[in-house]
PDB file of N, CA and C in Angstrom:
ATOM      1  N   MET A   1     -42.261 -84.441 -32.037  1.00  0.00           N
ATOM      2  CA  MET A   1     -42.217 -83.029 -31.573  1.00  0.00           C
ATOM      3  C   MET A   1     -41.074 -82.846 -30.668  1.00  0.00           C
ATOM      4  N   ARG A   2     -40.333 -81.832 -30.763  1.00  0.00           N
ATOM      5  CA  ARG A   2     -39.346 -81.506 -29.915  1.00  0.00           C
ATOM      6  C   ARG A   2     -40.056 -80.756 -28.607  1.00  0.00           C
ATOM      7  N   LEU A   3     -39.466 -81.137 -27.523  1.00  0.00           N
ATOM      8  CA  LEU A   3     -39.924 -80.595 -26.107  1.00  0.00           C
ATOM      9  C   LEU A   3     -39.977 -79.162 -26.209  1.00  0.00           C
ATOM     10  N   GLU A   4     -38.977 -78.602 -26.724  1.00  0.00           N
ATOM     11  CA  GLU A   4     -38.957 -76.865 -27.023  1.00  0.00           C
ATOM     12  C   GLU A   4     -40.213 -76.604 -27.638  1.00  0.00           C
ATOM     13  N   ARG A   5     -40.608 -77.061 -28.723  1.00  0.00           N
ATOM     14  CA  ARG A   5     -41.916 -76.410 -29.311  1.00  0.00           C
ATOM     15  C   ARG A   5     -43.125 -76.714 -28.510  1.00  0.00           C
ATOM     16  N   VAL A   6     -43.187 -77.890 -27.777  1.00  0.00           N
ATOM     17  CA  VAL A   6     -44.248 -78.122 -26.718  1.00  0.00           C
ATOM     18  C   VAL A   6     -44.345 -77.151 -25.776  1.00  0.00           C
ATOM     19  N   LEU A   7     -43.220 -76.820 -25.138  1.00  0.00           N
ATOM     20  CA  LEU A   7     -43.187 -75.884 -24.001  1.00  0.00           C
ATOM     21  C   LEU A   7     -43.506 -74.422 -24.316  1.00  0.00           C
ATOM     22  N   GLU A   8     -43.186 -73.974 -25.579  1.00  0.00           N
ATOM     23  CA  GLU A   8     -43.296 -72.728 -26.131  1.00  0.00           C
ATOM     24  C   GLU A   8     -44.737 -72.313 -26.401  1.00  0.00           C
ATOM     25  N   ASN A   9     -45.320 -73.344 -26.757  1.00  0.00           N
ATOM     26  CA  ASN A   9     -46.904 -73.032 -27.178  1.00  0.00           C
ATOM     27  C   ASN A   9     -47.636 -73.271 -25.915  1.00  0.00           C
ATOM     28  N   PRO A  10     -48.384 -72.053 -25.562  1.00  0.00           N
ATOM     29  CA  PRO A  10     -49.283 -71.684 -24.447  1.00  0.00           C
ATOM     30  C   PRO A  10     -50.431 -73.033 -24.338  1.00  0.00           C
ATOM     31  N   GLU A  11     -50.853 -73.218 -25.518  1.00  0.00           N
ATOM     32  CA  GLU A  11     -52.015 -74.276 -25.525  1.00  0.00           C
ATOM     33  C   GLU A  11     -51.626 -75.699 -25.076  1.00  0.00           C
ATOM     34  N   GLN A  12     -50.102 -75.929 -25.453  1.00  0.00           N
ATOM     35  CA  GLN A  12     -49.789 -77.167 -25.283  1.00  0.00           C
ATOM     36  C   GLN A  12     -49.341 -77.229 -23.555  1.00  0.00           C
ATOM     37  N   VAL A  13     -48.632 -76.186 -23.253  1.00  0.00           N
ATOM     38  CA  VAL A  13     -48.598 -76.091 -21.777  1.00  0.00           C
ATOM     39  C   VAL A  13     -49.727 -76.216 -20.783  1.00  0.00           C
ATOM     40  N   LYS A  14     -50.844 -75.654 -21.224  1.00  0.00           N
ATOM     41  CA  LYS A  14     -51.994 -75.922 -20.479  1.00  0.00           C
ATOM     42  C   LYS A  14     -52.412 -77.435 -20.496  1.00  0.00           C
ATOM     43  N   LYS A  15     -52.395 -77.825 -21.500  1.00  0.00           N
ATOM     44  CA  LYS A  15     -52.733 -79.267 -21.867  1.00  0.00           C
ATOM     45  C   LYS A  15     -51.818 -80.262 -20.845  1.00  0.00           C
ATOM     46  N   LEU A  16     -50.603 -79.971 -20.972  1.00  0.00           N
ATOM     47  CA  LEU A  16     -49.577 -80.791 -20.031  1.00  0.00           C
ATOM     48  C   LEU A  16     -49.888 -80.501 -18.589  1.00  0.00           C
ATOM     49  N   ARG A  17     -50.227 -79.376 -18.330  1.00  0.00           N
ATOM     50  CA  ARG A  17     -50.413 -79.113 -16.887  1.00  0.00           C
ATOM     51  C   ARG A  17     -51.712 -79.839 -16.248  1.00  0.00           C
ATOM     52  N   ARG A  18     -52.652 -79.769 -17.340  1.00  0.00           N
ATOM     53  CA  ARG A  18     -54.062 -80.715 -16.995  1.00  0.00           C
ATOM     54  C   ARG A  18     -53.772 -82.072 -16.837  1.00  0.00           C
ATOM     55  N   ILE A  19     -52.744 -82.496 -17.742  1.00  0.00           N
ATOM     56  CA  ILE A  19     -52.532 -84.133 -17.590  1.00  0.00           C
ATOM     57  C   ILE A  19     -51.712 -84.307 -16.276  1.00  0.00           C
ATOM     58  N   PHE A  20     -50.705 -83.251 -15.738  1.00  0.00           N
ATOM     59  CA  PHE A  20     -50.060 -83.759 -14.773  1.00  0.00           C
ATOM     60  C   PHE A  20     -50.936 -83.381 -13.448  1.00  0.00           C
ATOM     61  N   TYR A  21     -51.907 -82.496 -13.464  1.00  0.00           N
ATOM     62  CA  TYR A  21     -52.836 -82.479 -12.409  1.00  0.00           C
ATOM     63  C   TYR A  21     -53.882 -83.716 -12.189  1.00  0.00           C
ATOM     64  N   VAL A  22     -54.296 -84.126 -13.345  1.00  0.00           N
ATOM     65  CA  VAL A  22     -55.073 -85.488 -13.299  1.00  0.00           C
ATOM     66  C   VAL A  22     -54.283 -86.679 -12.834  1.00  0.00           C
ATOM     67  N   THR A  23     -53.068 -86.711 -13.315  1.00  0.00           N
ATOM     68  CA  THR A  23     -52.080 -87.888 -12.759  1.00  0.00           C
ATOM     69  C   THR A  23     -51.790 -87.876 -11.337  1.00  0.00           C
ATOM     70  N   LEU A  24     -51.626 -86.635 -10.982  1.00  0.00           N
ATOM     71  CA  LEU A  24     -51.467 -86.290  -9.451  1.00  0.00           C
ATOM     72  C   LEU A  24     -52.554 -86.738  -8.686  1.00  0.00           C
ATOM     73  N   ALA A  25     -53.863 -86.116  -9.150  1.00  0.00           N
ATOM     74  CA  ALA A  25     -54.963 -86.630  -8.319  1.00  0.00           C
ATOM     75  C   ALA A  25     -55.423 -88.207  -8.320  1.00  0.00           C
ATOM     76  N   LEU A  26     -55.288 -88.617  -9.447  1.00  0.00           N
ATOM     77  CA  LEU A  26     -55.187 -90.178  -9.678  1.00  0.00           C
ATOM     78  C   LEU A  26     -54.561 -90.849  -8.712  1.00  0.00           C
ATOM     79  N   LEU A  27     -53.175 -90.444  -8.605  1.00  0.00           N
ATOM     80  CA  LEU A  27     -52.047 -91.283  -7.765  1.00  0.00           C
ATOM     81  C   LEU A  27     -52.501 -90.917  -6.307  1.00  0.00           C
ATOM     82  N   VAL A  28     -52.804 -89.909  -5.883  1.00  0.00           N
ATOM     83  CA  VAL A  28     -53.410 -89.544  -4.578  1.00  0.00           C
ATOM     84  C   VAL A  28     -54.733 -90.431  -4.072  1.00  0.00           C
ATOM     85  N   GLY A  29     -55.469 -90.494  -5.191  1.00  0.00           N
ATOM     86  CA  GLY A  29     -56.835 -91.274  -5.025  1.00  0.00           C
ATOM     87  C   GLY A  29     -56.579 -92.690  -4.984  1.00  0.00           C
ATOM     88  N   ILE A  30     -55.710 -93.086  -5.715  1.00  0.00           N
ATOM     89  CA  ILE A  30     -55.233 -94.562  -5.523  1.00  0.00           C
ATOM     90  C   ILE A  30     -54.721 -94.899  -4.140  1.00  0.00           C
ATOM     91  N   ASP A  31     -54.092 -93.894  -3.625  1.00  0.00           N
ATOM     92  CA  ASP A  31     -53.492 -94.081  -2.286  1.00  0.00           C
ATOM     93  C   ASP A  31     -54.392 -94.593  -1.179  1.00  0.00           C
ATOM     94  N   PHE A  32     -55.614 -94.119  -1.372  1.00  0.00           N
ATOM     95  CA  PHE A  32     -56.624 -94.379  -0.279  1.00  0.00           C
ATOM     96  C   PHE A  32     -57.167 -95.887  -0.490  1.00  0.00           C
ATOM     97  N   PHE A  33     -56.923 -96.445  -1.619  1.00  0.00           N
ATOM     98  CA  PHE A  33     -57.328 -97.995  -1.672  1.00  0.00           C
ATOM     99  C   PHE A  33     -56.245 -99.115  -1.443  1.00  0.00           C
ATOM    100  N   ILE A  34     -55.245 -98.575  -1.121  1.00  0.00           N
ATOM    101  CA  ILE A  34     -53.984 -99.452  -0.797  1.00  0.00           C
ATOM    102  C   ILE A  34     -53.984-100.147   0.533  1.00  0.00           C
ATOM    103  N   HIS A  35     -53.873-101.165   0.757  1.00  0.00           N
ATOM    104  CA  HIS A  35     -54.100-102.010   2.085  1.00  0.00           C
ATOM    105  C   HIS A  35     -52.696-101.517   2.726  1.00  0.00           C
ATOM    106  N   ARG A  36     -52.944-101.349   4.074  1.00  0.00           N
ATOM    107  CA  ARG A  36     -51.507-100.937   4.806  1.00  0.00           C
ATOM    108  C   ARG A  36     -51.414-101.705   6.094  1.00  0.00           C
ATOM    109  N   GLU A  37     -51.398-102.977   5.988  1.00  0.00           N
ATOM    110  CA  GLU A  37     -51.315-104.107   7.196  1.00  0.00           C
ATOM    111  C   GLU A  37     -49.872-104.034   7.637  1.00  0.00           C
ATOM    112  N   HIS A  38     -48.940-103.853   6.782  1.00  0.00           N
ATOM    113  CA  HIS A  38     -47.531-104.003   7.106  1.00  0.00           C
ATOM    114  C   HIS A  38     -46.773-102.683   6.998  1.00  0.00           C
ATOM    115  N   ALA A  39     -47.493-101.527   7.520  1.00  0.00           N
ATOM    116  CA  ALA A  39     -46.842-100.232   7.673  1.00  0.00           C
ATOM    117  C   ALA A  39     -45.917-100.414   8.897  1.00  0.00           C
ATOM    118  N   ILE A  40     -44.671 -99.861   8.767  1.00  0.00           N
ATOM    119  CA  ILE A  40     -43.754 -99.911   9.949  1.00  0.00           C
ATOM    120  C   ILE A  40     -43.948 -98.729  10.748  1.00  0.00           C
ATOM    121  N   PHE A  41     -43.949 -97.532  10.038  1.00  0.00           N
ATOM    122  CA  PHE A  41     -44.254 -96.275  10.944  1.00  0.00           C
ATOM    123  C   PHE A  41     -45.696 -95.831  10.901  1.00  0.00           C
ATOM    124  N   PHE A  42     -46.056 -94.895  11.731  1.00  0.00           N
ATOM    125  CA  PHE A  42     -47.445 -94.655  11.914  1.00  0.00           C
ATOM    126  C   PHE A  42     -47.919 -94.053  10.590  1.00  0.00           C
ATOM    127  N   TRP A  43     -46.996 -92.982  10.193  1.00  0.00           N
ATOM    128  CA  TRP A  43     -47.398 -92.128   8.973  1.00  0.00           C
ATOM    129  C   TRP A  43     -47.463 -92.847   7.686  1.00  0.00           C
ATOM    130  N   ASP A  44     -46.907 -94.206   7.717  1.00  0.00           N
ATOM    131  CA  ASP A  44     -47.152 -95.099   6.398  1.00  0.00           C
ATOM    132  C   ASP A  44     -48.664 -95.372   6.425  1.00  0.00           C
ATOM    133  N   SER A  45     -49.242 -95.595   7.390  1.00  0.00           N
ATOM    134  CA  SER A  45     -50.764 -95.900   7.321  1.00  0.00           C
ATOM    135  C   SER A  45     -51.658 -94.591   6.882  1.00  0.00           C
ATOM    136  N   ILE A  46     -51.254 -93.484   6.913  1.00  0.00           N
ATOM    137  CA  ILE A  46     -52.031 -92.114   6.565  1.00  0.00           C
ATOM    138  C   ILE A  46     -52.205 -92.280   5.026  1.00  0.00           C
ATOM    139  N   PRO A  47     -53.374 -92.146   4.501  1.00  0.00           N
ATOM    140  CA  PRO A  47     -53.417 -92.159   2.938  1.00  0.00           C
ATOM    141  C   PRO A  47     -53.186 -90.614   2.416  1.00  0.00           C
ATOM    142  N   GLY A  48     -52.203 -90.439   1.588  1.00  0.00           N
ATOM    143  CA  GLY A  48     -52.044 -89.512   0.792  1.00  0.00           C
ATOM    144  C   GLY A  48     -50.703 -88.767   1.656  1.00  0.00           C
ATOM    145  N   PHE A  49     -50.229 -89.353   2.837  1.00  0.00           N
ATOM    146  CA  PHE A  49     -49.211 -88.369   3.440  1.00  0.00           C
ATOM    147  C   PHE A  49     -47.973 -88.415   2.565  1.00  0.00           C
ATOM    148  N   SER A  50     -47.579 -89.366   1.784  1.00  0.00           N
ATOM    149  CA  SER A  50     -46.269 -89.235   1.158  1.00  0.00           C
ATOM    150  C   SER A  50     -46.425 -88.267   0.121  1.00  0.00           C
ATOM    151  N   ALA A  51     -47.519 -88.106  -0.625  1.00  0.00           N
ATOM    152  CA  ALA A  51     -47.778 -86.867  -1.655  1.00  0.00           C
ATOM    153  C   ALA A  51     -47.700 -85.494  -0.866  1.00  0.00           C
ATOM    154  N   LEU A  52     -48.385 -85.442   0.317  1.00  0.00           N
ATOM    155  CA  LEU A  52     -48.296 -84.153   0.907  1.00  0.00           C
ATOM    156  C   LEU A  52     -46.789 -83.846   1.523  1.00  0.00           C
ATOM    157  N   PHE A  53     -46.317 -84.901   2.222  1.00  0.00           N
ATOM    158  CA  PHE A  53     -44.890 -84.635   2.568  1.00  0.00           C
ATOM    159  C   PHE A  53     -43.801 -84.186   1.523  1.00  0.00           C
ATOM    160  N   GLY A  54     -44.035 -84.915   0.553  1.00  0.00           N
ATOM    161  CA  GLY A  54     -43.301 -84.322  -0.823  1.00  0.00           C
ATOM    162  C   GLY A  54     -43.347 -83.296  -1.369  1.00  0.00           C
ATOM    163  N   PHE A  55     -44.772 -82.658  -1.240  1.00  0.00           N
ATOM    164  CA  PHE A  55     -45.028 -81.493  -1.709  1.00  0.00           C
ATOM    165  C   PHE A  55     -44.334 -80.407  -0.694  1.00  0.00           C
ATOM    166  N   ILE A  56     -44.714 -80.573   0.585  1.00  0.00           N
ATOM    167  CA  ILE A  56     -44.232 -79.688   1.671  1.00  0.00           C
ATOM    168  C   ILE A  56     -42.691 -79.579   1.492  1.00  0.00           C
ATOM    169  N   SER A  57     -42.010 -80.754   1.405  1.00  0.00           N
ATOM    170  CA  SER A  57     -40.597 -80.724   1.390  1.00  0.00           C
ATOM    171  C   SER A  57     -40.173 -79.896   0.214  1.00  0.00           C
ATOM    172  N   CYS A  58     -40.708 -79.989  -1.016  1.00  0.00           N
ATOM    173  CA  CYS A  58     -40.265 -79.335  -2.193  1.00  0.00           C
ATOM    174  C   CYS A  58     -40.317 -77.815  -1.943  1.00  0.00           C
ATOM    175  N   VAL A  59     -41.574 -77.429  -1.384  1.00  0.00           N
ATOM    176  CA  VAL A  59     -41.852 -76.061  -1.178  1.00  0.00           C
ATOM    177  C   VAL A  59     -40.774 -75.457  -0.317  1.00  0.00           C
ATOM    178  N   LEU A  60     -40.425 -76.158   0.807  1.00  0.00           N
ATOM    179  CA  LEU A  60     -39.468 -75.658   1.737  1.00  0.00           C
ATOM    180  C   LEU A  60     -38.011 -75.712   1.217  1.00  0.00           C
ATOM    181  N   ILE A  61     -37.852 -76.549   0.360  1.00  0.00           N
ATOM    182  CA  ILE A  61     -36.251 -76.585  -0.428  1.00  0.00           C
ATOM    183  C   ILE A  61     -36.401 -75.266  -1.220  1.00  0.00           C
ATOM    184  N   ILE A  62     -37.398 -74.766  -2.004  1.00  0.00           N
ATOM    185  CA  ILE A  62     -37.538 -73.739  -2.675  1.00  0.00           C
ATOM    186  C   ILE A  62     -37.284 -72.469  -1.787  1.00  0.00           C
ATOM    187  N   ILE A  63     -38.050 -72.421  -0.753  1.00  0.00           N
ATOM    188  CA  ILE A  63     -37.981 -71.219   0.080  1.00  0.00           C
ATOM    189  C   ILE A  63     -36.571 -71.123   0.672  1.00  0.00           C
ATOM    190  N   VAL A  64     -35.988 -72.135   1.263  1.00  0.00           N
ATOM    191  CA  VAL A  64     -34.770 -72.020   1.929  1.00  0.00           C
ATOM    192  C   VAL A  64     -33.745 -71.614   0.855  1.00  0.00           C
ATOM    193  N   SER A  65     -33.744 -72.073  -0.352  1.00  0.00           N
ATOM    194  CA  SER A  65     -32.841 -71.796  -1.355  1.00  0.00           C
ATOM    195  C   SER A  65     -32.584 -70.306  -1.712  1.00  0.00           C
ATOM    196  N   LYS A  66     -33.954 -69.746  -1.770  1.00  0.00           N
ATOM    197  CA  LYS A  66     -34.141 -68.362  -2.053  1.00  0.00           C
ATOM    198  C   LYS A  66     -33.715 -67.649  -1.030  1.00  0.00           C
ATOM    199  N   VAL A  67     -34.282 -68.085   0.235  1.00  0.00           N
ATOM    200  CA  VAL A  67     -33.484 -67.100   1.340  1.00  0.00           C
ATOM    201  C   VAL A  67     -31.753 -67.047   1.582  1.00  0.00           C
ATOM    202  N   ILE A  68     -31.332 -68.342   1.174  1.00  0.00           N
ATOM    203  CA  ILE A  68     -29.811 -68.477   1.233  1.00  0.00           C
ATOM    204  C   ILE A  68     -29.177 -67.599  -0.034  1.00  0.00           C
ATOM    205  N   GLY A  69     -29.975 -67.639  -1.245  1.00  0.00           N
ATOM    206  CA  GLY A  69     -29.459 -66.918  -2.364  1.00  0.00           C
ATOM    207  C   GLY A  69     -29.652 -65.348  -2.060  1.00  0.00           C
ATOM    208  N   HIS A  70     -30.740 -64.995  -1.591  1.00  0.00           N
ATOM    209  CA  HIS A  70     -30.963 -63.632  -1.414  1.00  0.00           C
ATOM    210  C   HIS A  70     -30.024 -62.984  -0.260  1.00  0.00           C
ATOM    211  N   ALA A  71     -29.729 -63.732   0.904  1.00  0.00           N
ATOM    212  CA  ALA A  71     -28.963 -63.375   1.987  1.00  0.00           C
ATOM    213  C   ALA A  71     -27.480 -63.391   1.515  1.00  0.00           C
ATOM    214  N   GLY A  72     -27.061 -64.261   0.827  1.00  0.00           N
ATOM    215  CA  GLY A  72     -25.567 -64.544   0.783  1.00  0.00           C
ATOM    216  C   GLY A  72     -24.857 -64.394  -0.450  1.00  0.00           C
ATOM    217  N   LEU A  73     -25.756 -64.832  -1.532  1.00  0.00           N
ATOM    218  CA  LEU A  73     -25.187 -64.902  -2.984  1.00  0.00           C
ATOM    219  C   LEU A  73     -25.361 -63.943  -3.744  1.00  0.00           C
ATOM    220  N   MET A  74     -26.458 -63.117  -3.719  1.00  0.00           N
ATOM    221  CA  MET A  74     -26.971 -62.132  -4.691  1.00  0.00           C
ATOM    222  C   MET A  74     -26.014 -60.730  -4.305  1.00  0.00           C
ATOM    223  N   LYS A  75     -25.960 -59.999  -5.229  1.00  0.00           N
ATOM    224  CA  LYS A  75     -25.118 -58.778  -4.953  1.00  0.00           C
ATOM    225  C   LYS A  75     -26.098 -57.821  -5.932  1.00  0.00           C
ATOM    226  N   ARG A  76     -25.556 -56.448  -5.374  1.00  0.00           N
ATOM    227  CA  ARG A  76     -26.501 -55.399  -6.025  1.00  0.00           C
ATOM    228  C   ARG A  76     -26.134 -55.385  -7.405  1.00  0.00           C
ATOM    229  N   GLU A  77     -27.200 -54.697  -7.929  1.00  0.00           N
ATOM    230  CA  GLU A  77     -27.143 -54.654  -9.519  1.00  0.00           C
ATOM    231  C   GLU A  77     -25.965 -53.674 -10.083  1.00  0.00           C
ATOM    232  N   ASP A  78     -25.493 -53.017  -9.243  1.00  0.00           N
ATOM    233  CA  ASP A  78     -24.146 -51.985  -9.742  1.00  0.00           C
ATOM    234  C   ASP A  78     -22.981 -52.482  -8.726  1.00  0.00           C
ATOM    235  N   TYR A  79     -22.856 -53.796  -8.382  1.00  0.00           N
ATOM    236  CA  TYR A  79     -21.855 -54.231  -7.469  1.00  0.00           C
ATOM    237  C   TYR A  79     -20.437 -53.948  -8.255  1.00  0.00           C
ATOM    238  N   TYR A  80     -20.456 -54.554  -9.365  1.00  0.00           N
ATOM    239  CA  TYR A  80     -19.304 -54.336 -10.225  1.00  0.00           C
ATOM    240  C   TYR A  80     -19.039 -53.052 -10.805  1.00  0.00           C
ATOM    241  N   ASP A  81     -19.901 -52.136 -10.940  1.00  0.00           N
ATOM    242  CA  ASP A  81     -19.710 -50.712 -11.296  1.00  0.00           C
ATOM    243  C   ASP A  81     -18.956 -49.742 -10.270  1.00  0.00           C
ATOM    244  N   LEU A  82     -18.939 -50.056  -8.985  1.00  0.00           N
ATOM    245  CA  LEU A  82     -18.547 -49.359  -8.048  1.00  0.00           C
ATOM    246  C   LEU A  82     -17.175 -49.668  -7.899  1.00  0.00           C
ATOM    247  N   PRO A  83     -16.234 -48.617  -7.497  1.00  0.00           N
ATOM    248  CA  PRO A  83     -14.759 -48.796  -7.535  1.00  0.00           C
ATOM    249  C   PRO A  83     -14.626 -49.593  -6.183  1.00  0.00           C
ATOM    250  N   ALA A  84     -13.546 -50.440  -6.153  1.00  0.00           N
ATOM    251  CA  ALA A  84     -13.101 -51.314  -5.125  1.00  0.00           C
ATOM    252  C   ALA A  84     -12.360 -50.429  -4.006  1.00  0.00           C
ATOM    253  N   GLU A  85     -12.125 -50.747  -2.923  1.00  0.00           N
ATOM    254  CA  GLU A  85     -11.379 -50.182  -1.855  1.00  0.00           C
ATOM    255  C   GLU A  85     -10.047 -49.889  -2.437  1.00  0.00           C
ATOM    256  N   GLY A  86      -9.529 -48.701  -2.259  1.00  0.00           N
ATOM    257  CA  GLY A  86      -8.085 -48.281  -2.660  1.00  0.00           C
ATOM    258  C   GLY A  86      -8.135 -48.324  -4.226  1.00  0.00           C
ATOM    259  N   GLU A  87      -9.176 -47.917  -5.013  1.00  0.00           N
ATOM    260  CA  GLU A  87      -9.138 -47.951  -6.382  1.00  0.00           C
ATOM    261  C   GLU A  87      -9.656 -46.459  -6.704  1.00  0.00           C
ATOM    262  N   VAL A  88      -9.184 -45.789  -7.592  1.00  0.00           N
ATOM    263  CA  VAL A  88      -9.508 -44.663  -8.004  1.00  0.00           C
ATOM    264  C   VAL A  88     -10.641 -44.807  -9.199  1.00  0.00           C
ATOM    265  N   GLU A  89     -11.459 -43.770  -9.168  1.00  0.00           N
ATOM    266  CA  GLU A  89     -12.685 -43.659 -10.150  1.00  0.00           C
ATOM    267  C   GLU A  89     -12.521 -44.329 -11.602  1.00  0.00           C
ATOM    268  N   ASP A  90     -11.188 -44.060 -12.134  1.00  0.00           N
ATOM    269  CA  ASP A  90     -10.927 -44.510 -13.528  1.00  0.00           C
ATOM    270  C   ASP A  90     -10.448 -46.102 -13.475  1.00  0.00           C
ATOM    271  N   GLY A  91     -10.602 -46.770 -12.531  1.00  0.00           N
ATOM    272  CA  GLY A  91     -10.396 -48.103 -12.390  1.00  0.00           C
ATOM    273  C   GLY A  91      -8.785 -48.609 -12.424  1.00  0.00           C
ATOM    274  N   THR A  92      -8.141 -47.546 -12.088  1.00  0.00           N
ATOM    275  CA  THR A  92      -6.655 -47.930 -11.777  1.00  0.00           C
ATOM    276  C   THR A  92      -6.493 -48.009 -10.414  1.00  0.00           C
ATOM    277  N   ALA A  93      -5.286 -48.739  -9.930  1.00  0.00           N
ATOM    278  CA  ALA A  93      -5.189 -49.226  -8.347  1.00  0.00           C
ATOM    279  C   ALA A  93      -4.477 -47.851  -7.843  1.00  0.00           C
ATOM    280  N   HIS A  94      -4.818 -47.408  -6.535  1.00  0.00           N
ATOM    281  CA  HIS A  94      -4.295 -46.258  -5.970  1.00  0.00           C
ATOM    282  C   HIS A  94      -2.964 -46.876  -5.179  1.00  0.00           C
ATOM    283  N   VAL A  95      -1.988 -46.211  -5.500  1.00  0.00           N
ATOM    284  CA  VAL A  95      -0.542 -46.723  -4.853  1.00  0.00           C
ATOM    285  C   VAL A  95       0.013 -45.456  -4.329  1.00  0.00           C
ATOM    286  N   ARG A  96       0.306 -45.627  -2.856  1.00  0.00           N
ATOM    287  CA  ARG A  96       0.619 -44.339  -2.249  1.00  0.00           C
ATOM    288  C   ARG A  96       2.166 -44.204  -2.886  1.00  0.00           C
ATOM    289  N   GLY A  97       2.355 -42.828  -2.959  1.00  0.00           N
ATOM    290  CA  GLY A  97       3.704 -42.242  -3.545  1.00  0.00           C
ATOM    291  C   GLY A  97       3.669 -42.385  -5.182  1.00  0.00           C
ATOM    292  N   ALA A  98       2.921 -42.938  -5.722  1.00  0.00           N
ATOM    293  CA  ALA A  98       3.019 -43.117  -7.150  1.00  0.00           C
ATOM    294  C   ALA A  98       2.058 -41.848  -7.672  1.00  0.00           C
ATOM    295  N   ARG A  99       2.540 -41.520  -8.916  1.00  0.00           N
ATOM    296  CA  ARG A  99       2.050 -40.313  -9.612  1.00  0.00           C
ATOM    297  C   ARG A  99       1.162 -40.767 -10.651  1.00  0.00           C
ATOM    298  N   HIS A 100      -0.202 -40.181 -10.549  1.00  0.00           N
ATOM    299  CA  HIS A 100      -1.153 -40.438 -11.381  1.00  0.00           C
ATOM    300  C   HIS A 100      -1.442 -39.138 -12.496  1.00  0.00           C
ATOM    301  N   ASP A 101      -0.770 -39.423 -13.605  1.00  0.00           N
ATOM    302  CA  ASP A 101      -0.781 -38.345 -14.676  1.00  0.00           C
ATOM    303  C   ASP A 101      -2.101 -38.413 -15.474  1.00  0.00           C
TER     304      ASP A 101
END
């Protein structure tokens, strides 16, 4: 079955989401049973820290990229409809001394 068909079907998407959540919960749960005698940094000995750190990092990347996108990259919807500076409404360039018939 192609991935498109699976992702278009809401029932399949629900099933996949449940599988991903169960897998995530199992991985975080297993993290509590791992021995950490050779942890180099103090946060390496905290169970579930890597999962939490990864989740927070992902959320921050999304938020920062949205802020950058809205602040500098996105333009108004009518940005290309407005005449540029020195341009007449009909789209032709306005040149001093030129005749516009």
